[in-house]
Protein backbone atom coordinates (compact mmCIF):
# COMPACT_ATOMS: atom_id res chain seq x y z
CA UNK A 1 0.00 0.00 0.00
CA UNK A 2 0.99 3.54 -0.60
CA UNK A 3 1.28 6.31 1.93
CA UNK A 4 -2.00 7.90 0.78
CA UNK A 5 -3.85 4.61 1.27
CA UNK A 6 -2.44 4.26 4.75
CA UNK A 7 -3.40 7.87 5.61
CA UNK A 8 -6.92 7.33 4.28
CA UNK A 9 -7.29 4.09 6.29
CA UNK A 10 -6.15 5.86 9.44
CA UNK A 11 -8.49 8.82 8.88
CA UNK A 12 -11.42 6.49 8.29
CA UNK A 13 -10.68 4.48 11.44
CA UNK A 14 -10.46 7.71 13.49
CA UNK A 15 -13.74 9.04 12.06
CA UNK A 16 -15.57 5.82 12.88
CA UNK A 17 -14.20 5.83 16.40
CA UNK A 18 -15.39 9.39 16.99
CA UNK A 19 -18.82 8.61 15.57
CA UNK A 20 -19.30 5.42 17.53
CA UNK A 21 -18.28 7.05 20.77
CA UNK A 22 -21.49 9.18 20.77
CA UNK A 23 -24.83 7.64 21.64
CA UNK A 24 -27.16 6.72 18.81
CA UNK A 25 -30.87 7.50 19.41
CA UNK A 26 -33.31 4.62 19.58
CA UNK A 27 -35.53 3.88 16.60
CA UNK A 28 -38.64 4.81 18.58
CA UNK A 29 -37.24 8.29 19.29
CA UNK A 30 -36.35 8.86 15.64
CA UNK A 31 -39.79 7.60 14.53
CA UNK A 32 -41.61 9.84 17.03
CA UNK A 33 -39.58 12.86 15.92
CA UNK A 34 -40.38 12.16 12.25
CA UNK A 35 -44.09 11.78 13.06
CA UNK A 36 -44.07 15.06 14.97
CA UNK A 37 -42.42 16.89 12.04
CA UNK A 38 -44.92 15.34 9.59
CA UNK A 39 -47.81 16.34 11.87
CA UNK A 40 -46.60 19.94 12.05
CA UNK A 41 -46.28 20.03 8.24
CA UNK A 42 -49.79 18.58 7.86
CA UNK A 43 -51.23 21.13 10.30
CA UNK A 44 -49.51 23.97 8.48
CA UNK A 45 -50.87 22.71 5.15
CA UNK A 46 -54.39 22.39 6.61
CA UNK A 47 -54.17 25.94 7.91
CA UNK A 48 -53.12 27.29 4.49
CA UNK A 49 -55.80 25.32 2.62
CA UNK A 50 -58.47 26.31 5.15
CA UNK A 51 -57.53 29.97 4.85
CA UNK A 52 -57.67 29.77 1.05
CA UNK A 53 -61.10 28.10 1.14
CA UNK A 54 -62.40 30.69 3.61
CA UNK A 55 -61.14 33.52 1.40
CA UNK A 56 -62.78 31.94 -1.67
CA UNK A 57 -66.11 31.50 0.16
CA UNK A 58 -65.96 35.09 1.40
CA UNK A 59 -65.26 36.37 -2.13
CA UNK A 60 -68.17 34.38 -3.57
CA UNK A 61 -70.50 35.49 -0.77
CA UNK A 62 -69.48 39.10 -1.28
CA UNK A 63 -70.16 38.77 -5.02
CA UNK A 64 -73.63 37.33 -4.41
CA UNK A 65 -74.76 40.10 -2.08
CA UNK A 66 -77.59 42.19 -3.56
CA UNK A 67 -76.54 45.55 -4.89
CA UNK A 68 -77.92 48.49 -2.93
CA UNK A 69 -77.68 50.78 -5.93
CA UNK A 70 -81.02 52.64 -6.17
CA UNK A 71 -80.12 54.68 -9.26
CA UNK A 72 -81.66 52.20 -11.70
CA UNK A 73 -85.00 52.24 -9.94
CA UNK A 74 -85.71 55.91 -10.67
CA UNK A 75 -85.13 56.05 -14.46
CA UNK A 76 -87.97 57.66 -16.34
CA UNK A 77 -88.90 55.84 -19.55
CA UNK A 78 -89.43 59.12 -21.41
CA UNK A 79 -85.95 60.38 -20.53
CA UNK A 80 -84.46 57.08 -21.57
CA UNK A 81 -86.18 57.14 -24.97
CA UNK A 82 -85.15 60.75 -25.64
CA UNK A 83 -81.48 60.16 -24.92
CA UNK A 84 -81.15 56.82 -26.69
CA UNK A 85 -80.80 56.34 -30.43
CA UNK A 86 -80.22 53.24 -32.46
CA UNK A 87 -78.80 52.76 -35.94
CA UNK A 88 -78.62 49.55 -37.89
CA UNK A 89 -75.08 48.29 -38.45
CA UNK A 90 -75.74 48.14 -42.19
CA UNK A 91 -76.41 51.90 -42.32
CA UNK A 92 -72.71 52.54 -42.69
CA UNK A 93 -72.67 50.39 -45.84
CA UNK A 94 -75.59 52.12 -47.53
CA UNK A 95 -75.28 55.44 -49.39
CA UNK A 96 -76.85 58.59 -47.98
CA UNK A 97 -80.54 58.73 -48.82
CA UNK A 98 -82.00 61.91 -50.23
CA UNK A 99 -85.65 61.31 -49.52
CA UNK A 100 -87.75 59.03 -47.42
CA UNK A 101 -89.85 56.69 -49.51
CA UNK A 102 -92.36 56.27 -46.73
CA UNK A 103 -92.89 59.97 -46.11
CA UNK A 104 -92.23 61.73 -49.42
CA UNK A 105 -93.24 60.80 -52.91
CA UNK A 106 -90.07 61.08 -54.95
CA UNK A 107 -89.95 62.96 -58.19
CA UNK A 108 -89.17 60.63 -61.03
CA UNK A 109 -85.91 61.61 -62.64
CA UNK A 110 -86.26 61.83 -66.39
CA UNK A 111 -83.87 60.06 -68.70
CA UNK A 112 -81.51 62.10 -70.84
CA UNK A 113 -82.20 59.89 -73.84
CA UNK A 114 -84.98 60.85 -76.23
CA UNK A 115 -87.22 57.85 -75.71
CA UNK A 116 -85.73 56.65 -72.43
CA UNK A 117 -88.65 57.29 -70.06
CA UNK A 118 -88.26 57.79 -66.36
CA UNK A 119 -85.44 56.38 -64.28
CA UNK A 120 -86.46 54.50 -61.25
């Protein structure tokens, strides 16, 4: 063996001797400690999940509360009809009309040809 192998063997023997000189806890103590840590983690998780559920329920309950806004109750139908106007979406595609066929009788525009008749 080389000097480095001998030094490594000596260091390993010394480390084992130091480790074995201390007392090793019983299995029951280690198991109880692990159970206690797992229980604390479970309780912390339950607390976080419970808080999140309570916040979600409060948000939903707050959203379902009836609105106390009384402004909509006092709208007069006449005022609403005077301030509201509606146009068909196709009005922007149509040309500007010059007369209303339902209200005015249009004047027939004569043709520029000799025997053309009226344009309609």
